[in-house]
């Protein structure tokens, strides 16, 4: 593995242990009575790290998870490098723990906080270079082997637990709210005689029922995308038509209560090739996140334009994202809205970049607010 000679760091120390010393420490762990046997018998993935956060031992479960037959290929790596975290390499050099993104990483925090007296426990969210996402519960502790101190690093997969909490939140809160509006409108319309003018009630009923279907379909789509079972259906699309439809749906969403959604004045027709179903989910999540980040009385603006051979969709709200939020915004299960949220921006990036061949980015400042962009090619070609 190529060493990083640049010792500049934004967070944890960048210093690395020489390879021959890594090999010596690894041999010490494997030769210590019962240590390797005990770690191999544990039900979670386990590594032993040296003082520079580098792996000197991995149990059988970790090797199996990484698809490695022997220890040697893993020795000297840091945990993020072993898991192929998208922030663990800078210009091809291993940099786990040293980037500004690492300052928000639970794994690095748990390693730095490891001690002899008690377990240090933190949650860690990782998105890999291949687009896979991990939700991990990291436990660390200092252990002594033959008079030398090392860091025991245990990673438990809590993705299923996180997904269960999120889905419960969705079905007990978001979908219940939409179903409540539909029930209320239906109750009004069943009156005999009905109200003189039912146009507005019909509009609300249609928009809310559409939002309910969109909510369910959005999470079905995400499940297919994460399991790599999602199949794209590429066809010609009109950007403004998609924007207008999204505005109609989300103007009646529960997140839009006492807020408004408007189409940008400069929004234009851009004809391009894409999967319209997936794009609707992307734009819908962008709108929903913007509405949830807005205060009552504020307006969310959505638009589209053509630039440099790409169709660009944007959603703007008046809120500002602090630096710590900016560094985590696309991570799975991360949310500023409390427990049981955190798939919105993650799904925007996953669907756009893995299935629509596009790019997602954002701009945020205190004066002008926050804008999310989804940039898509005008002509879609197979990967």
Protein backbone atom coordinates (compact mmCIF):
# COMPACT_ATOMS: atom_id res chain seq x y z
CA UNK A 1 0.00 0.00 0.00
CA UNK A 2 1.32 3.41 -0.99
CA UNK A 3 2.32 5.52 1.98
CA UNK A 4 1.16 9.10 2.34
CA UNK A 5 4.24 11.24 2.85
CA UNK A 6 2.11 14.36 3.32
CA UNK A 7 1.60 14.63 7.08
CA UNK A 8 -0.86 17.51 6.85
CA UNK A 9 -4.12 16.70 8.62
CA UNK A 10 -7.49 18.31 9.29
CA UNK A 11 -8.21 16.07 12.28
CA UNK A 12 -6.38 12.99 13.58
CA UNK A 13 -2.58 12.58 13.39
CA UNK A 14 -1.34 11.46 9.97
CA UNK A 15 1.85 9.70 11.18
CA UNK A 16 2.13 6.06 10.07
CA UNK A 17 3.99 3.07 11.47
CA UNK A 18 6.74 1.55 9.28
CA UNK A 19 5.69 -1.69 7.59
CA UNK A 20 8.28 -3.89 9.31
CA UNK A 21 7.01 -2.65 12.70
CA UNK A 22 3.42 -3.42 11.64
CA UNK A 23 4.48 -6.98 10.78
CA UNK A 24 6.25 -7.38 14.14
CA UNK A 25 3.19 -6.17 16.07
CA UNK A 26 0.91 -8.43 14.06
CA UNK A 27 3.09 -11.43 14.89
CA UNK A 28 3.01 -10.45 18.58
CA UNK A 29 -0.82 -10.44 18.62
CA UNK A 30 -1.14 -13.76 16.77
CA UNK A 31 1.42 -15.46 19.00
CA UNK A 32 -0.09 -14.22 22.28
CA UNK A 33 -1.89 -17.05 24.13
CA UNK A 34 -5.62 -17.27 23.26
CA UNK A 35 -5.92 -13.68 21.90
CA UNK A 36 -6.46 -14.66 18.26
CA UNK A 37 -8.77 -17.54 19.20
CA UNK A 38 -10.95 -15.31 21.39
CA UNK A 39 -11.23 -12.57 18.75
CA UNK A 40 -12.03 -15.12 16.03
CA UNK A 41 -14.90 -16.48 18.15
CA UNK A 42 -16.65 -13.11 18.55
CA UNK A 43 -19.89 -12.54 16.56
CA UNK A 44 -18.82 -9.10 15.29
CA UNK A 45 -16.06 -7.86 12.99
CA UNK A 46 -12.97 -7.07 15.08
CA UNK A 47 -9.60 -5.52 14.44
CA UNK A 48 -6.64 -4.68 16.65
CA UNK A 49 -5.04 -1.32 15.90
CA UNK A 50 -1.70 0.16 16.90
CA UNK A 51 -1.14 3.67 18.23
CA UNK A 52 -1.34 5.11 14.70
CA UNK A 53 -4.79 3.59 14.10
CA UNK A 54 -3.39 0.95 11.73
CA UNK A 55 -4.62 -2.63 11.59
CA UNK A 56 -2.25 -5.26 12.96
CA UNK A 57 -4.83 -8.04 13.34
CA UNK A 58 -8.28 -8.82 11.89
CA UNK A 59 -10.55 -11.62 13.06
CA UNK A 60 -11.96 -14.21 10.64
CA UNK A 61 -15.33 -12.46 10.39
CA UNK A 62 -13.72 -9.19 9.26
CA UNK A 63 -11.54 -10.98 6.71
CA UNK A 64 -14.60 -12.81 5.37
CA UNK A 65 -16.60 -9.58 5.17
CA UNK A 66 -13.82 -7.91 3.17
CA UNK A 67 -13.33 -10.98 0.98
CA UNK A 68 -9.71 -11.42 2.02
CA UNK A 69 -8.25 -14.91 2.53
CA UNK A 70 -5.28 -13.80 4.67
CA UNK A 71 -4.27 -11.00 7.03
CA UNK A 72 -1.34 -9.70 5.06
CA UNK A 73 -3.30 -7.54 2.56
CA UNK A 74 -5.01 -5.74 5.44
CA UNK A 75 -2.00 -5.03 7.64
CA UNK A 76 -1.12 -1.34 7.94
CA UNK A 77 -4.47 -0.09 6.69
CA UNK A 78 -6.72 2.08 8.80
CA UNK A 79 -10.39 1.02 9.20
CA UNK A 80 -11.76 3.49 6.63
CA UNK A 81 -9.19 2.36 4.08
CA UNK A 82 -10.07 -1.29 4.65
CA UNK A 83 -13.78 -0.50 4.12
CA UNK A 84 -13.04 1.66 1.03
CA UNK A 85 -14.62 4.77 2.59
CA UNK A 86 -14.93 7.43 -0.11
CA UNK A 87 -13.03 9.89 2.11
CA UNK A 88 -10.21 7.49 3.09
CA UNK A 89 -8.04 8.23 0.05
CA UNK A 90 -6.89 11.61 -1.23
CA UNK A 91 -5.16 11.70 -4.63
CA UNK A 92 -4.66 7.95 -4.36
CA UNK A 93 -2.94 8.14 -0.97
CA UNK A 94 -4.42 6.53 2.17
CA UNK A 95 -5.69 9.35 4.40
CA UNK A 96 -8.20 7.80 6.82
CA UNK A 97 -8.75 10.08 9.81
CA UNK A 98 -6.99 13.11 8.33
CA UNK A 99 -9.61 14.81 6.10
CA UNK A 100 -12.12 17.41 7.25
CA UNK A 101 -14.89 14.81 6.75
CA UNK A 102 -13.13 12.58 9.30
CA UNK A 103 -13.81 15.15 12.03
CA UNK A 104 -17.43 13.94 11.98
CA UNK A 105 -16.60 10.22 11.78
CA UNK A 106 -17.69 8.12 14.75
CA UNK A 107 -15.06 5.48 14.05
CA UNK A 108 -12.17 7.93 14.29
CA UNK A 109 -13.75 9.51 17.37
CA UNK A 110 -14.07 6.14 19.07
CA UNK A 111 -10.44 5.24 18.27
CA UNK A 112 -9.11 8.54 19.61
CA UNK A 113 -11.26 8.16 22.74
CA UNK A 114 -10.21 4.58 23.51
CA UNK A 115 -9.03 4.03 27.10
CA UNK A 116 -8.23 1.30 29.63
CA UNK A 117 -11.13 1.95 31.98
CA UNK A 118 -14.30 1.72 29.88
CA UNK A 119 -15.60 1.06 26.39
CA UNK A 120 -15.79 4.04 24.03
CA UNK A 121 -18.93 3.64 21.89
CA UNK A 122 -19.94 5.73 18.87
CA UNK A 123 -22.07 5.34 15.74
CA UNK A 124 -20.34 5.52 12.37
CA UNK A 125 -21.80 6.11 8.90
CA UNK A 126 -19.68 5.19 5.88
CA UNK A 127 -20.36 5.47 2.17
CA UNK A 128 -17.84 3.53 0.10
CA UNK A 129 -16.19 4.40 -3.19
CA UNK A 130 -18.62 1.95 -4.80
CA UNK A 131 -21.71 3.67 -3.36
CA UNK A 132 -22.45 1.09 -0.65
CA UNK A 133 -23.48 2.44 2.76
CA UNK A 134 -22.72 1.13 6.25
CA UNK A 135 -24.31 2.00 9.58
CA UNK A 136 -21.95 0.75 12.27
CA UNK A 137 -21.78 0.80 16.05
CA UNK A 138 -18.10 1.12 16.95
CA UNK A 139 -16.76 -0.01 20.31
CA UNK A 140 -13.11 0.55 21.28
CA UNK A 141 -10.97 -0.17 24.30
CA UNK A 142 -7.25 -0.23 25.12
CA UNK A 143 -5.92 -3.75 25.66
CA UNK A 144 -2.50 -4.79 26.91
CA UNK A 145 -0.58 -7.60 25.19
CA UNK A 146 2.86 -8.56 26.49
CA UNK A 147 3.21 -5.14 28.09
CA UNK A 148 2.29 -3.23 24.92
CA UNK A 149 -0.97 -1.30 24.53
CA UNK A 150 -3.19 -1.70 21.48
CA UNK A 151 -6.69 -0.61 20.50
CA UNK A 152 -9.45 -3.19 20.24
CA UNK A 153 -11.83 -2.07 17.47
CA UNK A 154 -15.24 -3.78 17.24
CA UNK A 155 -17.73 -2.88 14.49
CA UNK A 156 -21.35 -4.05 14.71
CA UNK A 157 -23.66 -3.69 11.72
CA UNK A 158 -26.77 -1.76 12.83
CA UNK A 159 -28.16 -1.01 9.35
CA UNK A 160 -31.28 -3.16 9.85
CA UNK A 161 -31.97 -1.52 13.21
CA UNK A 162 -31.58 1.96 11.67
CA UNK A 163 -33.82 1.10 8.73
CA UNK A 164 -36.53 -0.23 11.07
CA UNK A 165 -36.55 3.02 13.07
CA UNK A 166 -36.71 5.11 9.88
CA UNK A 167 -39.54 3.10 8.37
CA UNK A 168 -41.52 3.28 11.61
CA UNK A 169 -41.09 7.05 11.55
CA UNK A 170 -42.25 7.21 7.92
CA UNK A 171 -45.34 5.06 8.38
CA UNK A 172 -46.34 6.37 11.79
CA UNK A 173 -45.75 10.05 11.07
CA UNK A 174 -45.39 11.10 7.44
CA UNK A 175 -47.82 8.66 5.86
CA UNK A 176 -50.28 8.98 8.74
CA UNK A 177 -50.36 12.74 8.22
CA UNK A 178 -51.09 12.37 4.52
CA UNK A 179 -53.74 9.72 5.15
CA UNK A 180 -55.35 12.05 7.73
CA UNK A 181 -55.71 14.84 5.17
CA UNK A 182 -57.25 12.42 2.66
CA UNK A 183 -59.72 11.19 5.27
CA UNK A 184 -60.72 14.74 6.21
CA UNK A 185 -61.28 15.79 2.59
CA UNK A 186 -63.22 12.61 1.85
CA UNK A 187 -65.39 13.19 4.90
CA UNK A 188 -66.25 16.69 3.69
CA UNK A 189 -67.06 15.50 0.17
CA UNK A 190 -69.38 12.72 1.36
CA UNK A 191 -71.71 15.26 2.99
CA UNK A 192 -75.15 15.49 1.50
CA UNK A 193 -75.60 17.99 0.02
CA UNK A 194 -71.87 18.53 -0.72
CA UNK A 195 -70.30 22.00 -0.54
CA UNK A 196 -71.34 24.27 -3.42
CA UNK A 197 -67.84 24.46 -4.87
CA UNK A 198 -65.77 21.30 -4.46
CA UNK A 199 -62.95 22.33 -6.81
CA UNK A 200 -60.46 23.19 -4.05
CA UNK A 201 -61.32 20.06 -2.06
CA UNK A 202 -60.80 17.89 -5.14
CA UNK A 203 -57.44 19.57 -5.79
CA UNK A 204 -56.25 18.96 -2.21
CA UNK A 205 -57.54 15.38 -2.23
CA UNK A 206 -55.80 14.56 -5.51
CA UNK A 207 -52.53 16.23 -4.53
CA UNK A 208 -52.40 14.61 -1.10
CA UNK A 209 -53.25 11.13 -2.39
CA UNK A 210 -50.55 11.56 -5.03
CA UNK A 211 -48.05 12.57 -2.32
CA UNK A 212 -49.03 9.48 -0.31
CA UNK A 213 -48.33 7.20 -3.27
CA UNK A 214 -45.06 9.05 -3.96
CA UNK A 215 -43.94 8.53 -0.34
CA UNK A 216 -44.48 4.77 -0.51
CA UNK A 217 -42.92 4.43 -3.96
CA UNK A 218 -39.92 6.49 -2.92
CA UNK A 219 -38.91 3.99 -0.26
CA UNK A 220 -39.64 1.01 -2.47
CA UNK A 221 -37.32 2.55 -5.05
CA UNK A 222 -34.60 3.12 -2.45
CA UNK A 223 -34.80 -0.52 -1.31
CA UNK A 224 -34.36 -1.70 -4.90
CA UNK A 225 -31.46 0.72 -5.44
CA UNK A 226 -29.60 -0.40 -2.31
CA UNK A 227 -30.03 -4.06 -3.22
CA UNK A 228 -28.86 -3.23 -6.78
CA UNK A 229 -32.13 -4.58 -8.22
CA UNK A 230 -33.34 -1.27 -9.65
CA UNK A 231 -33.75 -1.27 -13.43
CA UNK A 232 -33.82 2.04 -15.33
CA UNK A 233 -36.36 2.92 -18.01
CA UNK A 234 -34.79 5.62 -20.18
CA UNK A 235 -37.09 7.86 -22.23
CA UNK A 236 -37.37 11.44 -23.44
CA UNK A 237 -38.26 13.92 -20.68
CA UNK A 238 -39.24 17.58 -20.39
CA UNK A 239 -37.61 19.23 -17.39
CA UNK A 240 -40.32 21.85 -16.86
CA UNK A 241 -43.11 19.28 -16.95
CA UNK A 242 -41.35 17.28 -14.23
CA UNK A 243 -40.81 20.44 -12.14
CA UNK A 244 -44.47 21.51 -12.45
CA UNK A 245 -45.67 18.06 -11.40
CA UNK A 246 -43.37 18.04 -8.36
CA UNK A 247 -44.60 21.49 -7.28
CA UNK A 248 -48.24 20.37 -7.55
CA UNK A 249 -47.59 17.27 -5.43
CA UNK A 250 -45.47 18.84 -2.71
CA UNK A 251 -47.57 21.97 -2.36
CA UNK A 252 -50.10 19.62 -0.70
CA UNK A 253 -47.57 17.66 1.34
CA UNK A 254 -47.72 17.84 5.14
CA UNK A 255 -44.20 19.30 5.11
CA UNK A 256 -45.58 22.32 3.21
CA UNK A 257 -48.01 23.38 5.95
CA UNK A 258 -47.93 27.20 6.18
CA UNK A 259 -45.16 27.24 3.56
CA UNK A 260 -45.24 27.64 -0.20
CA UNK A 261 -43.60 26.01 -3.21
CA UNK A 262 -42.97 27.97 -6.41
CA UNK A 263 -41.45 27.38 -9.82
CA UNK A 264 -38.44 29.64 -10.48
CA UNK A 265 -39.07 32.44 -12.96
CA UNK A 266 -36.11 31.36 -15.09
CA UNK A 267 -37.17 27.68 -15.23
CA UNK A 268 -37.08 26.48 -18.81
CA UNK A 269 -37.92 23.54 -21.05
CA UNK A 270 -34.95 21.18 -21.40
CA UNK A 271 -35.48 18.01 -23.40
CA UNK A 272 -33.20 15.20 -22.27
CA UNK A 273 -33.07 11.42 -21.74
CA UNK A 274 -33.55 9.92 -18.30
CA UNK A 275 -35.66 7.65 -16.11
CA UNK A 276 -38.57 9.91 -15.21
CA UNK A 277 -39.74 7.75 -12.29
CA UNK A 278 -36.35 7.88 -10.57
CA UNK A 279 -35.95 11.59 -11.34
CA UNK A 280 -39.35 12.33 -9.79
CA UNK A 281 -38.19 10.63 -6.58
CA UNK A 282 -34.94 12.62 -6.59
CA UNK A 283 -36.71 15.95 -7.11
CA UNK A 284 -39.39 15.01 -4.60
CA UNK A 285 -36.80 14.29 -1.90
CA UNK A 286 -35.02 17.55 -2.68
CA UNK A 287 -38.31 19.43 -2.27
CA UNK A 288 -39.32 17.59 0.88
CA UNK A 289 -35.94 18.23 2.53
CA UNK A 290 -36.10 21.92 1.59
CA UNK A 291 -39.62 22.25 3.03
CA UNK A 292 -38.61 20.55 6.28
CA UNK A 293 -35.65 22.94 6.56
CA UNK A 294 -37.88 26.00 6.04
CA UNK A 295 -39.75 28.09 8.59
CA UNK A 296 -43.48 28.86 8.43
CA UNK A 297 -44.21 31.56 5.90
CA UNK A 298 -41.10 30.83 3.83
CA UNK A 299 -41.03 29.77 0.21
CA UNK A 300 -39.15 26.93 -1.48
CA UNK A 301 -38.21 27.54 -5.12
CA UNK A 302 -37.61 24.78 -7.67
CA UNK A 303 -36.38 25.18 -11.21
CA UNK A 304 -34.39 23.80 -14.11
CA UNK A 305 -32.08 25.04 -16.84
CA UNK A 306 -29.57 23.85 -19.42
CA UNK A 307 -25.84 24.34 -18.85
CA UNK A 308 -22.73 22.80 -20.42
CA UNK A 309 -24.68 20.01 -22.11
CA UNK A 310 -26.54 19.03 -18.95
CA UNK A 311 -30.04 19.42 -17.58
CA UNK A 312 -29.74 21.05 -14.15
CA UNK A 313 -32.51 20.82 -11.54
CA UNK A 314 -32.32 22.93 -8.38
CA UNK A 315 -34.27 23.42 -5.17
CA UNK A 316 -33.65 26.47 -2.96
CA UNK A 317 -34.68 27.31 0.58
CA UNK A 318 -33.67 30.09 2.97
CA UNK A 319 -31.94 27.88 5.55
CA UNK A 320 -28.19 27.60 6.14
CA UNK A 321 -26.29 24.38 6.80
CA UNK A 322 -23.49 24.63 9.40
CA UNK A 323 -20.12 23.10 8.54
CA UNK A 324 -20.64 19.89 10.53
CA UNK A 325 -23.90 19.27 8.65
CA UNK A 326 -22.27 19.98 5.28
CA UNK A 327 -19.65 17.30 5.96
CA UNK A 328 -22.27 14.62 6.69
CA UNK A 329 -25.26 15.62 4.56
CA UNK A 330 -25.12 12.73 2.06
CA UNK A 331 -24.43 10.00 4.61
CA UNK A 332 -27.01 7.27 5.16
CA UNK A 333 -29.04 7.71 8.39
CA UNK A 334 -27.67 11.21 9.03
CA UNK A 335 -30.33 13.80 9.74
CA UNK A 336 -30.67 17.16 11.46
CA UNK A 337 -34.35 16.41 12.07
CA UNK A 338 -33.94 13.93 14.91
CA UNK A 339 -34.19 10.17 15.39
CA UNK A 340 -35.83 8.15 12.67
CA UNK A 341 -34.87 10.31 9.69
CA UNK A 342 -31.91 10.47 7.35
CA UNK A 343 -32.57 8.82 3.99
CA UNK A 344 -33.49 11.93 1.97
CA UNK A 345 -30.18 13.42 0.85
CA UNK A 346 -28.53 9.99 0.85
CA UNK A 347 -31.15 8.68 -1.60
CA UNK A 348 -30.80 11.80 -3.77
CA UNK A 349 -27.11 11.09 -4.26
CA UNK A 350 -27.50 7.31 -4.60
CA UNK A 351 -30.23 7.49 -7.25
CA UNK A 352 -28.76 10.40 -9.21
CA UNK A 353 -25.16 9.24 -9.36
CA UNK A 354 -25.62 5.45 -9.47
CA UNK A 355 -28.65 5.27 -11.77
CA UNK A 356 -29.11 8.56 -13.66
CA UNK A 357 -25.40 9.11 -14.45
CA UNK A 358 -25.65 12.57 -12.90
CA UNK A 359 -24.01 14.57 -10.14
CA UNK A 360 -25.43 16.07 -6.95
CA UNK A 361 -24.01 19.11 -5.19
CA UNK A 362 -25.13 21.94 -2.94
CA UNK A 363 -24.32 25.55 -2.10
CA UNK A 364 -25.08 27.12 1.24
CA UNK A 365 -24.43 30.47 2.91
CA UNK A 366 -26.09 32.50 5.67
CA UNK A 367 -27.06 35.37 3.37
CA UNK A 368 -28.70 33.51 0.47
CA UNK A 369 -29.69 30.13 1.93
CA UNK A 370 -29.18 26.62 0.56
CA UNK A 371 -29.57 25.25 -2.95
CA UNK A 372 -29.30 21.58 -3.96
CA UNK A 373 -28.49 20.74 -7.58
CA UNK A 374 -28.98 17.55 -9.60
CA UNK A 375 -27.11 17.68 -12.91
CA UNK A 376 -28.08 15.12 -15.55
CA UNK A 377 -26.69 14.36 -19.03
CA UNK A 378 -28.87 15.37 -21.98
CA UNK A 379 -28.15 12.04 -23.64
CA UNK A 380 -28.12 8.88 -21.53
CA UNK A 381 -25.61 6.19 -22.46
CA UNK A 382 -25.23 2.81 -20.69
CA UNK A 383 -22.55 2.62 -18.02
